Amino acid sequence: MSIIRQQILILNIADPNLESQTVAWALYDGAKAENEPQMTTGDSDVPPYPNVLAAMRDGWNVLQVPALPHYFSGHEHESNHLPYEYVLERKVVIDE
């Protein structure tokens, strides 16, 4: 019997260009069995994709694009969250 499961990929990139470099990422794989470990932060030095466009070419669908950050005068150089976060998903078929 085949079942369709969802995978979620979160890519943070250097700037809003979909071809800019991936700087942080997370992968949540609903196709893995419960006893299989999910990705954990820092478990790889190499991102799963170099950029969002490469992930799209591999079958990932973009679900959410980032809102452009608002920088207030005098606060342009303060650290905050990573502003260019893209959420992607794809469906995979697994046999049970």
PDB file of N, CA and C in Angstrom:
ATOM      1  N   MET A   1       0.841  -1.181   0.000  1.00  0.00           N
ATOM      2  CA  MET A   1       0.000   0.000   0.000  1.00  0.00           C
ATOM      3  C   MET A   1       0.885   1.242   0.000  1.00  0.00           C
ATOM      4  N   SER A   2       0.600   2.195  -0.871  1.00  0.00           N
ATOM      5  CA  SER A   2       1.361   3.438  -0.943  1.00  0.00           C
ATOM      6  C   SER A   2       0.654   4.553  -0.186  1.00  0.00           C
ATOM      7  N   ILE A   3       1.448   5.338   0.504  1.00  0.00           N
ATOM      8  CA  ILE A   3       0.933   6.469   1.273  1.00  0.00           C
ATOM      9  C   ILE A   3       1.730   7.706   0.887  1.00  0.00           C
ATOM     10  N   ILE A   4       1.073   8.839   0.819  1.00  0.00           N
ATOM     11  CA  ILE A   4       1.759  10.101   0.513  1.00  0.00           C
ATOM     12  C   ILE A   4       2.053  10.814   1.827  1.00  0.00           C
ATOM     13  N   ARG A   5       3.304  11.220   1.988  1.00  0.00           N
ATOM     14  CA  ARG A   5       3.733  11.941   3.192  1.00  0.00           C
ATOM     15  C   ARG A   5       4.381  13.264   2.790  1.00  0.00           C
ATOM     16  N   GLN A   6       4.388  14.196   3.730  1.00  0.00           N
ATOM     17  CA  GLN A   6       4.913  15.536   3.485  1.00  0.00           C
ATOM     18  C   GLN A   6       6.301  15.702   4.090  1.00  0.00           C
ATOM     19  N   GLN A   7       7.130  16.438   3.371  1.00  0.00           N
ATOM     20  CA  GLN A   7       8.427  16.878   3.876  1.00  0.00           C
ATOM     21  C   GLN A   7       8.423  18.405   3.862  1.00  0.00           C
ATOM     22  N   ILE A   8       8.969  19.005   4.907  1.00  0.00           N
ATOM     23  CA  ILE A   8       9.070  20.466   5.008  1.00  0.00           C
ATOM     24  C   ILE A   8      10.548  20.837   5.061  1.00  0.00           C
ATOM     25  N   LEU A   9      10.941  21.804   4.257  1.00  0.00           N
ATOM     26  CA  LEU A   9      12.312  22.301   4.212  1.00  0.00           C
ATOM     27  C   LEU A   9      12.282  23.804   4.446  1.00  0.00           C
ATOM     28  N   ILE A  10      13.055  24.267   5.400  1.00  0.00           N
ATOM     29  CA  ILE A  10      13.158  25.702   5.678  1.00  0.00           C
ATOM     30  C   ILE A  10      14.564  26.127   5.299  1.00  0.00           C
ATOM     31  N   LEU A  11      14.657  27.059   4.355  1.00  0.00           N
ATOM     32  CA  LEU A  11      15.950  27.578   3.917  1.00  0.00           C
ATOM     33  C   LEU A  11      16.035  29.062   4.239  1.00  0.00           C
ATOM     34  N   ASN A  12      17.085  29.455   4.929  1.00  0.00           N
ATOM     35  CA  ASN A  12      17.394  30.863   5.153  1.00  0.00           C
ATOM     36  C   ASN A  12      18.530  31.210   4.208  1.00  0.00           C
ATOM     37  N   ILE A  13      18.322  32.244   3.405  1.00  0.00           N
ATOM     38  CA  ILE A  13      19.338  32.600   2.417  1.00  0.00           C
ATOM     39  C   ILE A  13      19.890  33.994   2.696  1.00  0.00           C
ATOM     40  N   ALA A  14      20.992  34.315   2.018  1.00  0.00           N
ATOM     41  CA  ALA A  14      21.742  35.540   2.311  1.00  0.00           C
ATOM     42  C   ALA A  14      20.989  36.821   1.949  1.00  0.00           C
ATOM     43  N   ASP A  15      20.190  36.799   0.889  1.00  0.00           N
ATOM     44  CA  ASP A  15      19.407  37.971   0.493  1.00  0.00           C
ATOM     45  C   ASP A  15      18.168  37.483  -0.241  1.00  0.00           C
ATOM     46  N   PRO A  16      17.249  38.360  -0.659  1.00  0.00           N
ATOM     47  CA  PRO A  16      15.978  37.899  -1.210  1.00  0.00           C
ATOM     48  C   PRO A  16      16.051  37.225  -2.584  1.00  0.00           C
ATOM     49  N   ASN A  17      17.187  37.248  -3.255  1.00  0.00           N
ATOM     50  CA  ASN A  17      17.349  36.594  -4.551  1.00  0.00           C
ATOM     51  C   ASN A  17      17.285  35.074  -4.346  1.00  0.00           C
ATOM     52  N   LEU A  18      16.399  34.381  -5.051  1.00  0.00           N
ATOM     53  CA  LEU A  18      16.237  32.937  -4.871  1.00  0.00           C
ATOM     54  C   LEU A  18      17.501  32.136  -5.187  1.00  0.00           C
ATOM     55  N   GLU A  19      18.447  32.754  -5.855  1.00  0.00           N
ATOM     56  CA  GLU A  19      19.706  32.080  -6.166  1.00  0.00           C
ATOM     57  C   GLU A  19      20.818  32.431  -5.175  1.00  0.00           C
ATOM     58  N   SER A  20      20.497  33.182  -4.123  1.00  0.00           N
ATOM     59  CA  SER A  20      21.536  33.531  -3.154  1.00  0.00           C
ATOM     60  C   SER A  20      21.815  32.340  -2.240  1.00  0.00           C
ATOM     61  N   GLN A  21      22.953  32.361  -1.627  1.00  0.00           N
ATOM     62  CA  GLN A  21      23.488  31.245  -0.845  1.00  0.00           C
ATOM     63  C   GLN A  21      22.645  30.900   0.380  1.00  0.00           C
ATOM     64  N   THR A  22      22.448  29.604   0.608  1.00  0.00           N
ATOM     65  CA  THR A  22      21.794  29.118   1.825  1.00  0.00           C
ATOM     66  C   THR A  22      22.736  29.326   2.999  1.00  0.00           C
ATOM     67  N   VAL A  23      22.235  29.955   4.075  1.00  0.00           N
ATOM     68  CA  VAL A  23      23.066  30.208   5.251  1.00  0.00           C
ATOM     69  C   VAL A  23      22.600  29.405   6.477  1.00  0.00           C
ATOM     70  N   ALA A  24      21.355  28.914   6.460  1.00  0.00           N
ATOM     71  CA  ALA A  24      20.835  28.084   7.552  1.00  0.00           C
ATOM     72  C   ALA A  24      19.661  27.291   6.992  1.00  0.00           C
ATOM     73  N   TRP A  25      19.380  26.126   7.612  1.00  0.00           N
ATOM     74  CA  TRP A  25      18.320  25.282   7.088  1.00  0.00           C
ATOM     75  C   TRP A  25      17.820  24.304   8.150  1.00  0.00           C
ATOM     76  N   ALA A  26      16.625  23.784   7.887  1.00  0.00           N
ATOM     77  CA  ALA A  26      16.043  22.731   8.720  1.00  0.00           C
ATOM     78  C   ALA A  26      15.172  21.872   7.813  1.00  0.00           C
ATOM     79  N   LEU A  27      15.170  20.563   8.053  1.00  0.00           N
ATOM     80  CA  LEU A  27      14.373  19.635   7.271  1.00  0.00           C
ATOM     81  C   LEU A  27      13.547  18.779   8.222  1.00  0.00           C
ATOM     82  N   TYR A  28      12.243  18.725   7.979  1.00  0.00           N
ATOM     83  CA  TYR A  28      11.340  17.896   8.761  1.00  0.00           C
ATOM     84  C   TYR A  28      10.709  16.894   7.803  1.00  0.00           C
ATOM     85  N   ASP A  29      11.002  15.625   8.007  1.00  0.00           N
ATOM     86  CA  ASP A  29      10.640  14.584   7.054  1.00  0.00           C
ATOM     87  C   ASP A  29       9.534  13.693   7.596  1.00  0.00           C
ATOM     88  N   GLY A  30       8.307  13.950   7.173  1.00  0.00           N
ATOM     89  CA  GLY A  30       7.176  13.139   7.588  1.00  0.00           C
ATOM     90  C   GLY A  30       7.163  11.760   6.966  1.00  0.00           C
ATOM     91  N   ALA A  31       8.063  11.490   6.022  1.00  0.00           N
ATOM     92  CA  ALA A  31       8.151  10.177   5.389  1.00  0.00           C
ATOM     93  C   ALA A  31       9.019   9.217   6.186  1.00  0.00           C
ATOM     94  N   LYS A  32       9.793   9.733   7.136  1.00  0.00           N
ATOM     95  CA  LYS A  32      10.629   8.864   7.965  1.00  0.00           C
ATOM     96  C   LYS A  32       9.776   8.155   9.007  1.00  0.00           C
ATOM     97  N   ALA A  33      10.198   6.961   9.361  1.00  0.00           N
ATOM     98  CA  ALA A  33       9.513   6.223  10.423  1.00  0.00           C
ATOM     99  C   ALA A  33       9.740   6.925  11.761  1.00  0.00           C
ATOM    100  N   GLU A  34       8.867   6.660  12.730  1.00  0.00           N
ATOM    101  CA  GLU A  34       8.962   7.319  14.039  1.00  0.00           C
ATOM    102  C   GLU A  34      10.299   7.078  14.723  1.00  0.00           C
ATOM    103  N   ASN A  35      10.892   5.920  14.527  1.00  0.00           N
ATOM    104  CA  ASN A  35      12.157   5.601  15.200  1.00  0.00           C
ATOM    105  C   ASN A  35      13.387   6.124  14.453  1.00  0.00           C
ATOM    106  N   GLU A  36      13.195   6.696  13.266  1.00  0.00           N
ATOM    107  CA  GLU A  36      14.314   7.280  12.535  1.00  0.00           C
ATOM    108  C   GLU A  36      14.530   8.721  13.005  1.00  0.00           C
ATOM    109  N   PRO A  37      15.778   9.106  13.235  1.00  0.00           N
ATOM    110  CA  PRO A  37      16.021  10.478  13.716  1.00  0.00           C
ATOM    111  C   PRO A  37      15.755  11.526  12.635  1.00  0.00           C
ATOM    112  N   GLN A  38      15.213  12.644  13.063  1.00  0.00           N
ATOM    113  CA  GLN A  38      15.058  13.796  12.177  1.00  0.00           C
ATOM    114  C   GLN A  38      16.369  14.569  12.164  1.00  0.00           C
ATOM    115  N   MET A  39      16.497  15.469  11.229  1.00  0.00           N
ATOM    116  CA  MET A  39      17.659  16.334  11.191  1.00  0.00           C
ATOM    117  C   MET A  39      17.710  17.147  12.473  1.00  0.00           C
ATOM    118  N   THR A  40      18.911  17.390  12.997  1.00  0.00           N
ATOM    119  CA  THR A  40      19.052  18.256  14.152  1.00  0.00           C
ATOM    120  C   THR A  40      19.957  19.417  13.790  1.00  0.00           C
ATOM    121  N   THR A  41      19.835  20.488  14.517  1.00  0.00           N
ATOM    122  CA  THR A  41      20.623  21.686  14.241  1.00  0.00           C
ATOM    123  C   THR A  41      22.104  21.367  14.283  1.00  0.00           C
ATOM    124  N   GLY A  42      22.815  21.788  13.255  1.00  0.00           N
ATOM    125  CA  GLY A  42      24.264  21.629  13.227  1.00  0.00           C
ATOM    126  C   GLY A  42      24.742  20.236  12.887  1.00  0.00           C
ATOM    127  N   ASP A  43      23.842  19.358  12.352  1.00  0.00           N
ATOM    128  CA  ASP A  43      24.300  18.003  12.056  1.00  0.00           C
ATOM    129  C   ASP A  43      25.011  17.883  10.715  1.00  0.00           C
ATOM    130  N   SER A  44      25.121  18.986   9.987  1.00  0.00           N
ATOM    131  CA  SER A  44      25.824  18.978   8.710  1.00  0.00           C
ATOM    132  C   SER A  44      26.405  20.356   8.428  1.00  0.00           C
ATOM    133  N   ASP A  45      27.571  20.364   7.815  1.00  0.00           N
ATOM    134  CA  ASP A  45      28.179  21.631   7.396  1.00  0.00           C
ATOM    135  C   ASP A  45      27.734  22.036   5.997  1.00  0.00           C
ATOM    136  N   VAL A  46      27.081  21.122   5.298  1.00  0.00           N
ATOM    137  CA  VAL A  46      26.673  21.362   3.917  1.00  0.00           C
ATOM    138  C   VAL A  46      25.148  21.396   3.846  1.00  0.00           C
ATOM    139  N   PRO A  47      24.582  22.482   3.326  1.00  0.00           N
ATOM    140  CA  PRO A  47      23.117  22.549   3.231  1.00  0.00           C
ATOM    141  C   PRO A  47      22.591  21.538   2.215  1.00  0.00           C
ATOM    142  N   PRO A  48      21.328  21.138   2.333  1.00  0.00           N
ATOM    143  CA  PRO A  48      20.770  20.186   1.380  1.00  0.00           C
ATOM    144  C   PRO A  48      20.684  20.760  -0.038  1.00  0.00           C
ATOM    145  N   TYR A  49      20.592  22.075  -0.151  1.00  0.00           N
ATOM    146  CA  TYR A  49      20.562  22.767  -1.441  1.00  0.00           C
ATOM    147  C   TYR A  49      21.347  24.063  -1.310  1.00  0.00           C
ATOM    148  N   PRO A  50      22.051  24.470  -2.361  1.00  0.00           N
ATOM    149  CA  PRO A  50      22.825  25.704  -2.280  1.00  0.00           C
ATOM    150  C   PRO A  50      21.956  26.962  -2.242  1.00  0.00           C
ATOM    151  N   ASN A  51      20.703  26.844  -2.751  1.00  0.00           N
ATOM    152  CA  ASN A  51      19.792  27.986  -2.772  1.00  0.00           C
ATOM    153  C   ASN A  51      18.365  27.491  -2.972  1.00  0.00           C
ATOM    154  N   VAL A  52      17.413  28.390  -2.895  1.00  0.00           N
ATOM    155  CA  VAL A  52      15.993  28.042  -3.019  1.00  0.00           C
ATOM    156  C   VAL A  52      15.678  27.535  -4.427  1.00  0.00           C
ATOM    157  N   LEU A  53      16.243  28.166  -5.452  1.00  0.00           N
ATOM    158  CA  LEU A  53      15.956  27.769  -6.821  1.00  0.00           C
ATOM    159  C   LEU A  53      16.395  26.327  -7.092  1.00  0.00           C
ATOM    160  N   ALA A  54      17.511  25.909  -6.529  1.00  0.00           N
ATOM    161  CA  ALA A  54      17.970  24.526  -6.695  1.00  0.00           C
ATOM    162  C   ALA A  54      16.983  23.554  -6.057  1.00  0.00           C
ATOM    163  N   ALA A  55      16.429  23.904  -4.907  1.00  0.00           N
ATOM    164  CA  ALA A  55      15.430  23.058  -4.255  1.00  0.00           C
ATOM    165  C   ALA A  55      14.161  22.977  -5.107  1.00  0.00           C
ATOM    166  N   MET A  56      13.754  24.094  -5.688  1.00  0.00           N
ATOM    167  CA  MET A  56      12.573  24.107  -6.548  1.00  0.00           C
ATOM    168  C   MET A  56      12.785  23.204  -7.761  1.00  0.00           C
ATOM    169  N   ARG A  57      13.979  23.236  -8.314  1.00  0.00           N
ATOM    170  CA  ARG A  57      14.285  22.386  -9.475  1.00  0.00           C
ATOM    171  C   ARG A  57      14.274  20.901  -9.110  1.00  0.00           C
ATOM    172  N   ASP A  58      14.422  20.592  -7.827  1.00  0.00           N
ATOM    173  CA  ASP A  58      14.411  19.212  -7.354  1.00  0.00           C
ATOM    174  C   ASP A  58      13.021  18.786  -6.874  1.00  0.00           C
ATOM    175  N   GLY A  59      12.003  19.590  -7.132  1.00  0.00           N
ATOM    176  CA  GLY A  59      10.638  19.201  -6.827  1.00  0.00           C
ATOM    177  C   GLY A  59      10.021  19.814  -5.586  1.00  0.00           C
ATOM    178  N   TRP A  60      10.730  20.703  -4.899  1.00  0.00           N
ATOM    179  CA  TRP A  60      10.173  21.359  -3.715  1.00  0.00           C
ATOM    180  C   TRP A  60       9.289  22.525  -4.151  1.00  0.00           C
ATOM    181  N   ASN A  61       8.162  22.701  -3.456  1.00  0.00           N
ATOM    182  CA  ASN A  61       7.243  23.813  -3.716  1.00  0.00           C
ATOM    183  C   ASN A  61       7.408  24.868  -2.633  1.00  0.00           C
ATOM    184  N   VAL A  62       7.470  26.120  -3.036  1.00  0.00           N
ATOM    185  CA  VAL A  62       7.582  27.213  -2.072  1.00  0.00           C
ATOM    186  C   VAL A  62       6.208  27.482  -1.474  1.00  0.00           C
ATOM    187  N   LEU A  63       6.128  27.419  -0.145  1.00  0.00           N
ATOM    188  CA  LEU A  63       4.873  27.691   0.556  1.00  0.00           C
ATOM    189  C   LEU A  63       4.831  29.092   1.133  1.00  0.00           C
ATOM    190  N   GLN A  64       5.994  29.587   1.525  1.00  0.00           N
ATOM    191  CA  GLN A  64       6.036  30.894   2.177  1.00  0.00           C
ATOM    192  C   GLN A  64       7.306  31.619   1.789  1.00  0.00           C
ATOM    193  N   VAL A  65       7.145  32.872   1.434  1.00  0.00           N
ATOM    194  CA  VAL A  65       8.287  33.736   1.155  1.00  0.00           C
ATOM    195  C   VAL A  65       8.376  34.769   2.272  1.00  0.00           C
ATOM    196  N   PRO A  66       9.558  35.287   2.523  1.00  0.00           N
ATOM    197  CA  PRO A  66       9.701  36.219   3.639  1.00  0.00           C
ATOM    198  C   PRO A  66       9.136  37.600   3.325  1.00  0.00           C
ATOM    199  N   ALA A  67       8.672  38.247   4.365  1.00  0.00           N
ATOM    200  CA  ALA A  67       8.337  39.670   4.261  1.00  0.00           C
ATOM    201  C   ALA A  67       9.659  40.421   4.356  1.00  0.00           C
ATOM    202  N   LEU A  68       9.852  41.400   3.531  1.00  0.00           N
ATOM    203  CA  LEU A  68      11.110  42.135   3.575  1.00  0.00           C
ATOM    204  C   LEU A  68      11.241  42.853   4.914  1.00  0.00           C
ATOM    205  N   PRO A  69      12.428  42.809   5.477  1.00  0.00           N
ATOM    206  CA  PRO A  69      12.619  43.425   6.798  1.00  0.00           C
ATOM    207  C   PRO A  69      12.518  44.946   6.734  1.00  0.00           C
ATOM    208  N   HIS A  70      12.115  45.527   7.848  1.00  0.00           N
ATOM    209  CA  HIS A  70      12.065  46.981   7.984  1.00  0.00           C
ATOM    210  C   HIS A  70      13.238  47.400   8.866  1.00  0.00           C
ATOM    211  N   TYR A  71      14.100  48.209   8.331  1.00  0.00           N
ATOM    212  CA  TYR A  71      15.242  48.701   9.098  1.00  0.00           C
ATOM    213  C   TYR A  71      14.976  50.149   9.474  1.00  0.00           C
ATOM    214  N   PHE A  72      15.007  50.425  10.757  1.00  0.00           N
ATOM    215  CA  PHE A  72      14.769  51.769  11.228  1.00  0.00           C
ATOM    216  C   PHE A  72      16.088  52.527  11.312  1.00  0.00           C
ATOM    217  N   SER A  73      16.030  53.792  11.028  1.00  0.00           N
ATOM    218  CA  SER A  73      17.223  54.633  11.051  1.00  0.00           C
ATOM    219  C   SER A  73      17.942  54.504  12.391  1.00  0.00           C
ATOM    220  N   GLY A  74      19.238  54.231  12.313  1.00  0.00           N
ATOM    221  CA  GLY A  74      20.042  54.080  13.509  1.00  0.00           C
ATOM    222  C   GLY A  74      20.126  52.656  14.020  1.00  0.00           C
ATOM    223  N   HIS A  75      19.334  51.743  13.440  1.00  0.00           N
ATOM    224  CA  HIS A  75      19.320  50.343  13.877  1.00  0.00           C
ATOM    225  C   HIS A  75      19.679  49.377  12.747  1.00  0.00           C
ATOM    226  N   GLU A  76      20.239  49.875  11.661  1.00  0.00           N
ATOM    227  CA  GLU A  76      20.513  49.059  10.484  1.00  0.00           C
ATOM    228  C   GLU A  76      21.504  47.931  10.732  1.00  0.00           C
ATOM    229  N   HIS A  77      22.373  48.083  11.707  1.00  0.00           N
ATOM    230  CA  HIS A  77      23.441  47.105  11.920  1.00  0.00           C
ATOM    231  C   HIS A  77      23.225  46.218  13.151  1.00  0.00           C
ATOM    232  N   GLU A  78      22.023  46.258  13.719  1.00  0.00           N
ATOM    233  CA  GLU A  78      21.726  45.409  14.868  1.00  0.00           C
ATOM    234  C   GLU A  78      21.400  43.993  14.400  1.00  0.00           C
ATOM    235  N   SER A  79      21.769  43.024  15.202  1.00  0.00           N
ATOM    236  CA  SER A  79      21.477  41.627  14.885  1.00  0.00           C
ATOM    237  C   SER A  79      20.033  41.306  15.232  1.00  0.00           C
ATOM    238  N   ASN A  80      19.471  40.357  14.492  1.00  0.00           N
ATOM    239  CA  ASN A  80      18.110  39.922  14.730  1.00  0.00           C
ATOM    240  C   ASN A  80      17.953  38.539  14.113  1.00  0.00           C
ATOM    241  N   HIS A  81      16.733  38.100  13.871  1.00  0.00           N
ATOM    242  CA  HIS A  81      16.509  36.810  13.215  1.00  0.00           C
ATOM    243  C   HIS A  81      17.004  36.876  11.766  1.00  0.00           C
ATOM    244  N   LEU A  82      17.134  35.727  11.135  1.00  0.00           N
ATOM    245  CA  LEU A  82      17.533  35.683   9.730  1.00  0.00           C
ATOM    246  C   LEU A  82      16.339  36.121   8.885  1.00  0.00           C
ATOM    247  N   PRO A  83      16.475  37.201   8.130  1.00  0.00           N
ATOM    248  CA  PRO A  83      15.298  37.807   7.498  1.00  0.00           C
ATOM    249  C   PRO A  83      14.785  37.118   6.237  1.00  0.00           C
ATOM    250  N   TYR A  84      15.573  36.300   5.561  1.00  0.00           N
ATOM    251  CA  TYR A  84      15.153  35.758   4.268  1.00  0.00           C
ATOM    252  C   TYR A  84      14.885  34.257   4.387  1.00  0.00           C
ATOM    253  N   GLU A  85      13.780  33.912   5.036  1.00  0.00           N
ATOM    254  CA  GLU A  85      13.418  32.521   5.292  1.00  0.00           C
ATOM    255  C   GLU A  85      12.336  32.075   4.323  1.00  0.00           C
ATOM    256  N   TYR A  86      12.611  30.990   3.628  1.00  0.00           N
ATOM    257  CA  TYR A  86      11.661  30.390   2.701  1.00  0.00           C
ATOM    258  C   TYR A  86      11.240  29.038   3.243  1.00  0.00           C
ATOM    259  N   VAL A  87       9.945  28.764   3.209  1.00  0.00           N
ATOM    260  CA  VAL A  87       9.420  27.472   3.643  1.00  0.00           C
ATOM    261  C   VAL A  87       8.980  26.727   2.382  1.00  0.00           C
ATOM    262  N   LEU A  88       9.497  25.507   2.223  1.00  0.00           N
ATOM    263  CA  LEU A  88       9.191  24.694   1.058  1.00  0.00           C
ATOM    264  C   LEU A  88       8.608  23.358   1.510  1.00  0.00           C
ATOM    265  N   GLU A  89       7.846  22.714   0.622  1.00  0.00           N
ATOM    266  CA  GLU A  89       7.320  21.392   0.936  1.00  0.00           C
ATOM    267  C   GLU A  89       7.289  20.559  -0.325  1.00  0.00           C
ATOM    268  N   ARG A  90       7.327  19.243  -0.099  1.00  0.00           N
ATOM    269  CA  ARG A  90       7.092  18.322  -1.193  1.00  0.00           C
ATOM    270  C   ARG A  90       6.413  17.087  -0.620  1.00  0.00           C
ATOM    271  N   LYS A  91       5.705  16.398  -1.498  1.00  0.00           N
ATOM    272  CA  LYS A  91       5.027  15.163  -1.126  1.00  0.00           C
ATOM    273  C   LYS A  91       5.837  14.008  -1.692  1.00  0.00           C
ATOM    274  N   VAL A  92       6.006  12.971  -0.876  1.00  0.00           N
ATOM    275  CA  VAL A  92       6.708  11.778  -1.330  1.00  0.00           C
ATOM    276  C   VAL A  92       5.815  10.568  -1.083  1.00  0.00           C
ATOM    277  N   VAL A  93       5.965   9.582  -1.924  1.00  0.00           N
ATOM    278  CA  VAL A  93       5.191   8.353  -1.809  1.00  0.00           C
ATOM    279  C   VAL A  93       6.052   7.315  -1.108  1.00  0.00           C
ATOM    280  N   ILE A  94       5.500   6.708  -0.078  1.00  0.00           N
ATOM    281  CA  ILE A  94       6.201   5.634   0.618  1.00  0.00           C
ATOM    282  C   ILE A  94       5.340   4.386   0.575  1.00  0.00           C
ATOM    283  N   ASP A  95       5.973   3.247   0.604  1.00  0.00           N
ATOM    284  CA  ASP A  95       5.259   1.968   0.632  1.00  0.00           C
ATOM    285  C   ASP A  95       5.264   1.433   2.049  1.00  0.00           C
ATOM    286  N   GLU A  96       4.118   1.052   2.533  1.00  0.00           N
ATOM    287  CA  GLU A  96       4.007   0.479   3.883  1.00  0.00           C
ATOM    288  C   GLU A  96       3.574  -0.948   3.797  1.00  0.00           C
TER     289      GLU A  96
END
